[in-house]
Amino acid sequence: MDSYELSPEALEDLLSIQNYISLDSPAAAERLIDQFFLAFENLAKWPGSGHSRADLTSKRVLFWPLDSYLIVYHAREADSMVQIVAVLHSARDLPAVLESR
């Protein structure tokens, strides 16, 4: 697997994160977004990276930490694609958010 796709919800997550951080520092927001995209590329190269969290969701997803955020993704075997399901701050109510995705 060498490719990834962002779910519409994950794209919304990224935009919200960027907008929020940009209020204090547009440069810091850009750096963080760049780090997210680098992490997505690495997850596509090594799709088993991260860990499952049965305490947060019963869905077949893995979690990858980046600063105060969690990248939630799953590897789709059918088309050899990693799908980024969510990018969430770790202080959020993760079970509630992931239930709807």
Protein backbone atom coordinates (compact mmCIF):
# COMPACT_ATOMS: atom_id res chain seq x y z
CA MET A 1 0.00 0.00 0.00
CA ASP A 2 1.47 3.30 -1.01
CA SER A 3 -1.57 5.50 -1.25
CA TYR A 4 -4.12 7.02 1.05
CA GLU A 5 -7.35 8.92 0.86
CA LEU A 6 -9.02 11.29 3.26
CA SER A 7 -12.64 10.76 4.16
CA PRO A 8 -14.75 13.93 3.85
CA GLU A 9 -14.94 14.03 7.66
CA ALA A 10 -11.15 13.79 8.00
CA LEU A 11 -10.75 16.66 5.55
CA GLU A 12 -13.18 18.70 7.66
CA ASP A 13 -11.15 17.80 10.75
CA LEU A 14 -7.96 19.09 9.12
CA LEU A 15 -9.59 22.33 8.04
CA SER A 16 -10.98 22.91 11.53
CA ILE A 17 -7.59 22.24 13.11
CA GLN A 18 -5.86 24.56 10.65
CA ASN A 19 -8.41 27.34 11.17
CA TYR A 20 -8.21 27.08 14.94
CA ILE A 21 -4.41 27.13 15.13
CA SER A 22 -4.18 29.86 12.48
CA LEU A 23 -5.94 32.22 14.88
CA ASP A 24 -2.72 32.27 16.92
CA SER A 25 -0.12 31.35 14.32
CA PRO A 26 -0.70 30.69 10.62
CA ALA A 27 2.87 29.39 10.31
CA ALA A 28 2.36 26.87 13.12
CA ALA A 29 -0.88 25.73 11.50
CA GLU A 30 0.90 25.13 8.19
CA ARG A 31 3.69 23.19 9.90
CA LEU A 32 1.18 20.95 11.68
CA ILE A 33 -0.80 20.30 8.49
CA ASP A 34 2.46 19.38 6.74
CA GLN A 35 3.21 16.94 9.59
CA PHE A 36 -0.22 15.35 9.18
CA PHE A 37 0.31 14.79 5.45
CA LEU A 38 3.75 13.32 6.07
CA ALA A 39 2.18 10.95 8.63
CA PHE A 40 -0.51 9.96 6.09
CA GLU A 41 2.20 9.10 3.56
CA ASN A 42 4.06 7.02 6.14
CA LEU A 43 0.89 5.19 7.18
CA ALA A 44 0.27 4.34 3.53
CA LYS A 45 3.77 2.85 3.32
CA TRP A 46 3.40 0.95 6.62
CA PRO A 47 -0.34 0.35 7.02
CA GLY A 48 -0.06 -1.75 10.19
CA SER A 49 1.49 1.10 12.15
CA GLY A 50 -0.28 2.37 15.21
CA HIS A 51 -2.52 0.58 17.61
CA SER A 52 -6.12 -0.48 17.99
CA ARG A 53 -8.22 0.92 20.81
CA ALA A 54 -11.11 -1.35 21.74
CA ASP A 55 -11.83 1.03 24.61
CA LEU A 56 -12.67 3.78 22.09
CA THR A 57 -14.37 1.95 19.23
CA SER A 58 -15.27 -1.50 18.00
CA LYS A 59 -14.54 -0.45 14.42
CA ARG A 60 -11.55 -1.96 12.65
CA VAL A 61 -9.38 1.14 12.75
CA LEU A 62 -5.90 1.96 13.97
CA PHE A 63 -4.72 5.03 15.81
CA TRP A 64 -1.52 6.97 15.18
CA PRO A 65 -0.56 9.79 17.56
CA LEU A 66 0.81 13.09 16.33
CA ASP A 67 1.37 15.74 18.99
CA SER A 68 -1.98 16.14 20.80
CA TYR A 69 -3.92 14.54 17.96
CA LEU A 70 -4.88 11.05 16.88
CA ILE A 71 -5.01 10.01 13.27
CA VAL A 72 -7.66 7.32 12.89
CA TYR A 73 -7.37 5.13 9.81
CA HIS A 74 -7.99 1.73 8.33
CA ALA A 75 -6.24 -0.22 5.62
CA ARG A 76 -8.59 -1.38 2.88
CA GLU A 77 -7.24 -4.65 1.56
CA ALA A 78 -9.60 -4.72 -1.44
CA ASP A 79 -7.96 -1.75 -3.16
CA SER A 80 -4.69 -1.52 -1.21
CA MET A 81 -5.62 1.90 0.12
CA VAL A 82 -5.29 3.49 3.54
CA GLN A 83 -8.31 5.59 4.39
CA ILE A 84 -7.90 8.37 6.94
CA VAL A 85 -11.17 8.30 8.85
CA ALA A 86 -10.54 11.10 11.34
CA VAL A 87 -7.95 13.51 12.72
CA LEU A 88 -9.01 14.38 16.25
CA HIS A 89 -7.60 16.16 19.25
CA SER A 90 -7.07 13.59 21.98
CA ALA A 91 -9.14 15.63 24.48
CA ARG A 92 -12.32 15.17 22.43
CA ASP A 93 -14.98 12.58 23.21
CA LEU A 94 -13.45 10.07 20.81
CA PRO A 95 -16.04 7.27 21.22
CA ALA A 96 -18.89 9.67 20.43
CA VAL A 97 -17.16 11.14 17.39
CA LEU A 98 -16.09 7.76 16.02
CA GLU A 99 -19.56 6.27 16.50
CA SER A 100 -20.87 8.52 13.74
CA ARG A 101 -18.06 7.78 11.27
